[in-house]
């Protein structure tokens, strides 16, 4: 059975519901710190929350392996183990719906980063997370008036409203995490910070430095861009720059693959603002030729077929 099959067999309709809200701190170079509180909910709200989870699972048709550059669509999820994420730190915060951790003031809800729908069925627990929108921000409450259309009139309602979305960013049970919104998942669990650290370590590696005449231009190109940092982490993970055969083939065949790359007399990359993207594509092994049409393609996530 897949992780998705396991979660589908969980028994949502018979589960107990708890809604937890979280604020987050991100110490430089450290794992994120989460502070969670649970919110008392009505039976009607519990039913709605179960429905959100049930609909998400109903509309999810497939799962695939999570990868740094892997993408999914509205009917698929990316699977990653709990151990590879900081989701366990969230789970540790959900100690139980005790009075000490109950939301007693609306200020506790303001500026929450995300919320988790916790479903419990016997010994099994399913956690479902969603990043909050602007309705949870203090600034939003001060600068807007919330209104509803009721009986042909527009009426003012309380500012203390918090939107619960009918979709989830990721959910997990046991040791498997399924991701439906990758960017929100990475934002909540600080993946950008992890990629920044990854790149900082990589440009200290002797093997990486040896394939470049100078990494200054590449570092400026990567900057703090989330996508570029993710790509560089994928390059480090694949380690093709450490593979002599790969690098020799790249130097020999780059023109055939229409790669706009420059090498110095020692066979090292000479990065420019214009060719950094091409170098990244080459080191990811993402410039491929079709064996059928002969066309040359850039691919998002090159997955070997056994």
Protein backbone atom coordinates (compact mmCIF):
# COMPACT_ATOMS: atom_id res chain seq x y z
CA UNK A 1 0.00 0.00 0.00
CA UNK A 2 1.11 3.56 -0.68
CA UNK A 3 1.18 6.31 1.95
CA UNK A 4 -1.90 7.78 0.27
CA UNK A 5 -3.72 4.45 0.62
CA UNK A 6 -2.83 4.31 4.32
CA UNK A 7 -4.24 7.77 4.93
CA UNK A 8 -7.39 7.03 2.94
CA UNK A 9 -7.99 4.03 5.20
CA UNK A 10 -7.69 6.23 8.30
CA UNK A 11 -11.46 6.68 8.88
CA UNK A 12 -12.04 10.44 8.78
CA UNK A 13 -15.79 10.26 9.43
CA UNK A 14 -15.24 8.61 12.83
CA UNK A 15 -12.35 10.81 13.94
CA UNK A 16 -12.12 13.40 16.70
CA UNK A 17 -11.12 16.88 15.52
CA UNK A 18 -8.80 19.51 17.00
CA UNK A 19 -7.66 22.73 15.33
CA UNK A 20 -4.17 23.96 16.24
CA UNK A 21 -2.72 27.34 15.25
CA UNK A 22 1.00 28.06 15.09
CA UNK A 23 3.36 30.98 15.24
CA UNK A 24 6.90 30.46 14.04
CA UNK A 25 10.35 31.85 14.65
CA UNK A 26 13.28 31.16 12.35
CA UNK A 27 16.62 31.56 14.17
CA UNK A 28 19.48 32.04 11.71
CA UNK A 29 21.10 28.72 10.92
CA UNK A 30 18.82 26.80 13.31
CA UNK A 31 15.67 24.68 12.86
CA UNK A 32 12.40 26.65 13.03
CA UNK A 33 10.72 27.09 16.41
CA UNK A 34 6.95 26.53 16.58
CA UNK A 35 4.52 27.73 19.25
CA UNK A 36 1.10 26.06 19.04
CA UNK A 37 -2.31 26.58 20.66
CA UNK A 38 -5.57 24.78 20.03
CA UNK A 39 -8.91 26.46 19.35
CA UNK A 40 -12.27 25.30 20.68
CA UNK A 41 -14.54 24.48 17.73
CA UNK A 42 -18.24 23.72 17.32
CA UNK A 43 -19.63 20.43 16.03
CA UNK A 44 -20.51 22.21 12.78
CA UNK A 45 -16.93 23.42 12.38
CA UNK A 46 -15.59 19.95 13.16
CA UNK A 47 -17.78 18.55 10.41
CA UNK A 48 -16.46 21.18 7.96
CA UNK A 49 -12.85 20.38 8.87
CA UNK A 50 -13.41 16.66 8.32
CA UNK A 51 -14.96 17.54 4.96
CA UNK A 52 -11.93 19.58 3.91
CA UNK A 53 -9.61 16.64 4.57
CA UNK A 54 -11.96 14.12 2.95
CA UNK A 55 -12.33 16.22 -0.23
CA UNK A 56 -8.57 16.70 -0.50
CA UNK A 57 -7.99 12.95 -0.30
CA UNK A 58 -10.83 12.24 -2.72
CA UNK A 59 -9.36 14.61 -5.31
CA UNK A 60 -5.80 13.30 -4.92
CA UNK A 61 -5.24 10.57 -7.48
CA UNK A 62 -1.51 9.83 -7.34
CA UNK A 63 1.66 10.28 -5.33
CA UNK A 64 5.26 10.56 -6.47
CA UNK A 65 8.62 10.97 -4.78
CA UNK A 66 9.46 14.40 -3.41
CA UNK A 67 12.51 15.92 -5.03
CA UNK A 68 14.15 19.31 -4.89
CA UNK A 69 12.89 20.09 -8.39
CA UNK A 70 9.88 17.75 -8.50
CA UNK A 71 6.53 19.38 -9.21
CA UNK A 72 3.00 18.11 -8.73
CA UNK A 73 -0.41 19.13 -10.03
CA UNK A 74 -3.85 19.61 -8.46
CA UNK A 75 -4.51 15.86 -8.37
CA UNK A 76 -1.14 14.60 -7.11
CA UNK A 77 1.06 14.82 -4.01
CA UNK A 78 4.78 14.53 -3.38
CA UNK A 79 5.87 11.97 -0.78
CA UNK A 80 8.73 12.60 1.66
CA UNK A 81 9.59 10.91 4.95
CA UNK A 82 8.87 12.70 8.22
CA UNK A 83 12.54 12.32 9.18
CA UNK A 84 13.60 14.50 6.22
CA UNK A 85 11.46 17.45 7.36
CA UNK A 86 10.85 19.60 10.45
CA UNK A 87 7.23 18.38 10.63
CA UNK A 88 8.14 16.35 13.70
CA UNK A 89 8.77 19.62 15.57
CA UNK A 90 5.17 20.60 14.85
CA UNK A 91 3.95 17.23 16.06
CA UNK A 92 5.92 17.63 19.28
CA UNK A 93 4.05 20.88 19.97
CA UNK A 94 0.65 19.20 19.69
CA UNK A 95 0.88 17.67 23.14
CA UNK A 96 -2.84 17.37 23.69
CA UNK A 97 -5.82 19.68 24.05
CA UNK A 98 -5.01 20.78 27.59
CA UNK A 99 -6.32 24.01 29.10
CA UNK A 100 -2.87 25.58 29.30
CA UNK A 101 -2.52 25.42 25.49
CA UNK A 102 -6.06 26.57 24.68
CA UNK A 103 -6.65 29.85 22.81
CA UNK A 104 -8.33 32.19 25.30
CA UNK A 105 -7.79 35.52 23.53
CA UNK A 106 -8.07 36.56 19.89
CA UNK A 107 -4.56 38.03 20.12
CA UNK A 108 -3.22 34.48 20.24
CA UNK A 109 -4.66 33.88 16.78
CA UNK A 110 -3.38 37.07 15.20
CA UNK A 111 -0.27 36.65 13.02
CA UNK A 112 -0.29 32.85 13.11
CA UNK A 113 1.83 31.39 10.31
CA UNK A 114 -0.23 28.25 9.71
CA UNK A 115 -2.80 25.94 11.27
CA UNK A 116 -3.07 22.18 11.61
CA UNK A 117 -6.23 20.09 11.54
CA UNK A 118 -5.55 17.16 13.86
CA UNK A 119 -7.75 14.08 13.37
CA UNK A 120 -7.61 11.23 15.89
CA UNK A 121 -9.12 7.79 15.32
CA UNK A 122 -8.17 5.29 18.01
CA UNK A 123 -4.37 5.11 18.13
CA UNK A 124 -3.96 6.75 14.73
CA UNK A 125 -3.44 10.51 14.25
CA UNK A 126 -3.58 12.39 10.96
CA UNK A 127 -2.14 15.93 10.78
CA UNK A 128 -3.16 18.33 8.00
CA UNK A 129 -1.42 21.72 7.64
CA UNK A 130 -2.31 24.94 5.81
CA UNK A 131 -0.47 28.26 5.59
CA UNK A 132 -2.61 31.19 6.77
CA UNK A 133 -3.65 34.05 4.50
CA UNK A 134 -3.85 37.79 5.17
CA UNK A 135 -7.06 37.46 7.21
CA UNK A 136 -4.88 36.24 10.09
CA UNK A 137 -2.60 39.30 10.03
CA UNK A 138 -2.94 42.18 12.50
CA UNK A 139 -2.32 44.70 9.73
CA UNK A 140 -5.22 43.30 7.75
CA UNK A 141 -7.60 43.73 10.69
CA UNK A 142 -6.66 47.37 11.16
CA UNK A 143 -6.77 48.38 7.50
CA UNK A 144 -9.91 46.65 6.25
CA UNK A 145 -13.58 46.31 7.04
CA UNK A 146 -15.16 42.91 6.58
CA UNK A 147 -18.61 42.94 5.00
CA UNK A 148 -21.20 40.38 3.92
CA UNK A 149 -24.13 40.67 1.51
CA UNK A 150 -27.28 39.72 3.40
CA UNK A 151 -30.92 40.24 2.34
CA UNK A 152 -30.04 42.77 -0.38
CA UNK A 153 -27.85 44.81 1.95
CA UNK A 154 -24.13 45.04 2.54
CA UNK A 155 -23.55 44.76 6.27
CA UNK A 156 -20.48 45.15 8.45
CA UNK A 157 -19.38 42.10 10.42
CA UNK A 158 -16.77 41.65 13.13
CA UNK A 159 -13.14 42.12 12.14
CA UNK A 160 -12.26 39.04 14.16
CA UNK A 161 -12.66 36.60 11.30
CA UNK A 162 -10.12 34.02 10.20
CA UNK A 163 -10.39 32.22 6.87
CA UNK A 164 -10.14 28.42 6.87
CA UNK A 165 -9.34 27.29 3.33
CA UNK A 166 -10.89 24.32 1.61
CA UNK A 167 -7.48 22.96 0.68
CA UNK A 168 -4.39 21.68 2.49
CA UNK A 169 -0.70 22.28 1.87
CA UNK A 170 0.58 19.00 3.32
CA UNK A 171 -0.52 16.21 5.63
CA UNK A 172 1.19 13.39 7.42
CA UNK A 173 0.56 10.22 9.38
CA UNK A 174 3.12 7.92 10.97
CA UNK A 175 6.39 8.47 9.09
CA UNK A 176 5.15 9.72 5.70
CA UNK A 177 4.41 13.31 4.63
CA UNK A 178 2.33 14.05 1.51
CA UNK A 179 2.76 17.50 -0.02
CA UNK A 180 0.09 19.12 -2.18
CA UNK A 181 1.38 22.75 -2.18
CA UNK A 182 5.16 22.58 -2.36
CA UNK A 183 5.92 26.30 -1.98
CA UNK A 184 3.78 26.62 1.17
CA UNK A 185 5.23 23.40 2.57
CA UNK A 186 8.76 24.70 2.09
CA UNK A 187 7.84 28.10 3.53
CA UNK A 188 6.38 26.62 6.72
CA UNK A 189 9.29 24.23 7.24
CA UNK A 190 12.06 26.69 6.28
CA UNK A 191 13.41 24.90 3.23
CA UNK A 192 14.74 28.14 1.73
CA UNK A 193 16.97 28.61 4.77
CA UNK A 194 18.15 25.01 4.39
CA UNK A 195 19.00 25.62 0.72
CA UNK A 196 20.91 28.81 1.59
CA UNK A 197 23.00 26.85 4.07
CA UNK A 198 23.46 24.08 1.51
CA UNK A 199 24.84 26.50 -1.08
CA UNK A 200 27.09 28.23 1.45
CA UNK A 201 28.62 24.84 2.25
CA UNK A 202 28.88 23.79 -1.40
CA UNK A 203 30.96 26.82 -2.45
CA UNK A 204 33.49 25.77 0.19
CA UNK A 205 33.87 22.33 -1.39
CA UNK A 206 37.18 21.77 -3.18
CA UNK A 207 35.51 19.67 -5.94
CA UNK A 208 32.94 22.38 -6.68
CA UNK A 209 35.47 25.22 -6.75
CA UNK A 210 37.72 23.23 -9.08
CA UNK A 211 35.15 23.24 -11.93
CA UNK A 212 34.81 27.06 -11.87
CA UNK A 213 37.31 29.76 -12.75
CA UNK A 214 35.52 31.91 -10.13
CA UNK A 215 32.21 31.36 -8.28
CA UNK A 216 31.55 35.05 -7.57
CA UNK A 217 29.28 35.60 -10.57
CA UNK A 218 27.40 32.36 -9.89
CA UNK A 219 26.86 33.35 -6.26
CA UNK A 220 25.51 36.75 -7.35
CA UNK A 221 23.20 35.04 -9.84
CA UNK A 222 21.85 32.57 -7.26
CA UNK A 223 21.42 35.29 -4.62
CA UNK A 224 18.45 34.62 -2.34
CA UNK A 225 16.17 33.41 -5.13
CA UNK A 226 14.25 30.41 -3.84
CA UNK A 227 14.21 28.55 -7.17
CA UNK A 228 17.91 29.07 -7.84
CA UNK A 229 18.83 27.96 -4.31
CA UNK A 230 16.71 24.85 -4.75
CA UNK A 231 18.46 24.08 -8.04
CA UNK A 232 21.88 24.47 -6.47
CA UNK A 233 20.88 22.10 -3.67
CA UNK A 234 19.82 19.60 -6.33
CA UNK A 235 23.21 20.00 -8.04
CA UNK A 236 24.94 19.25 -4.75
CA UNK A 237 22.69 16.23 -4.23
CA UNK A 238 23.38 14.82 -7.72
CA UNK A 239 27.17 15.45 -7.45
CA UNK A 240 27.77 15.41 -11.21
CA UNK A 241 30.46 18.08 -10.79
CA UNK A 242 32.46 15.46 -8.86
CA UNK A 243 32.11 12.93 -11.70
CA UNK A 244 35.14 13.15 -14.04
CA UNK A 245 33.40 11.22 -16.84
CA UNK A 246 30.35 13.50 -16.68
CA UNK A 247 32.46 16.67 -16.76
CA UNK A 248 34.61 15.37 -19.64
CA UNK A 249 31.48 14.55 -21.65
CA UNK A 250 30.03 17.97 -20.87
CA UNK A 251 33.15 19.76 -22.13
CA UNK A 252 33.17 17.58 -25.25
CA UNK A 253 29.45 17.84 -26.13
CA UNK A 254 28.14 21.16 -24.80
CA UNK A 255 27.95 22.75 -28.28
CA UNK A 256 25.99 19.79 -29.64
CA UNK A 257 23.41 20.40 -26.88
CA UNK A 258 23.22 24.13 -27.70
CA UNK A 259 24.57 25.12 -24.30
CA UNK A 260 25.91 28.68 -24.17
CA UNK A 261 28.81 27.87 -21.85
CA UNK A 262 32.39 29.14 -21.76
CA UNK A 263 35.40 27.22 -20.46
CA UNK A 264 38.88 28.52 -19.71
CA UNK A 265 42.10 26.83 -20.93
CA UNK A 266 41.96 24.49 -17.91
CA UNK A 267 38.43 23.31 -18.75
CA UNK A 268 36.77 25.26 -15.93
CA UNK A 269 33.43 27.07 -16.27
CA UNK A 270 33.70 30.81 -16.80
CA UNK A 271 30.39 32.10 -15.39
CA UNK A 272 28.75 35.25 -16.73
CA UNK A 273 25.37 36.75 -15.82
CA UNK A 274 24.12 35.47 -19.18
CA UNK A 275 25.32 31.84 -18.98
CA UNK A 276 24.78 30.96 -15.29
CA UNK A 277 21.37 29.49 -16.09
CA UNK A 278 22.92 27.29 -18.79
CA UNK A 279 25.64 26.07 -16.41
CA UNK A 280 23.00 25.18 -13.82
CA UNK A 281 20.97 23.27 -16.42
CA UNK A 282 24.09 21.35 -17.48
CA UNK A 283 25.10 20.41 -13.91
CA UNK A 284 21.55 19.23 -13.24
CA UNK A 285 21.76 17.04 -16.39
CA UNK A 286 18.57 18.71 -17.59
CA UNK A 287 19.55 19.34 -21.23
CA UNK A 288 18.47 16.19 -23.06
CA UNK A 289 18.08 15.00 -26.66
CA UNK A 290 15.08 12.90 -27.68
CA UNK A 291 16.05 9.56 -29.14
CA UNK A 292 12.90 9.70 -31.28
CA UNK A 293 12.67 13.21 -32.72
CA UNK A 294 16.22 14.37 -32.19
CA UNK A 295 14.86 17.51 -30.51
CA UNK A 296 16.78 19.10 -27.63
CA UNK A 297 14.83 19.78 -24.43
CA UNK A 298 15.28 21.34 -21.00
CA UNK A 299 13.47 19.20 -18.44
CA UNK A 300 12.30 20.12 -14.96
CA UNK A 301 13.10 16.92 -13.11
CA UNK A 302 15.18 14.30 -14.91
CA UNK A 303 14.09 10.97 -13.40
CA UNK A 304 16.01 7.89 -14.60
CA UNK A 305 13.80 5.08 -15.93
CA UNK A 306 14.92 1.62 -14.90
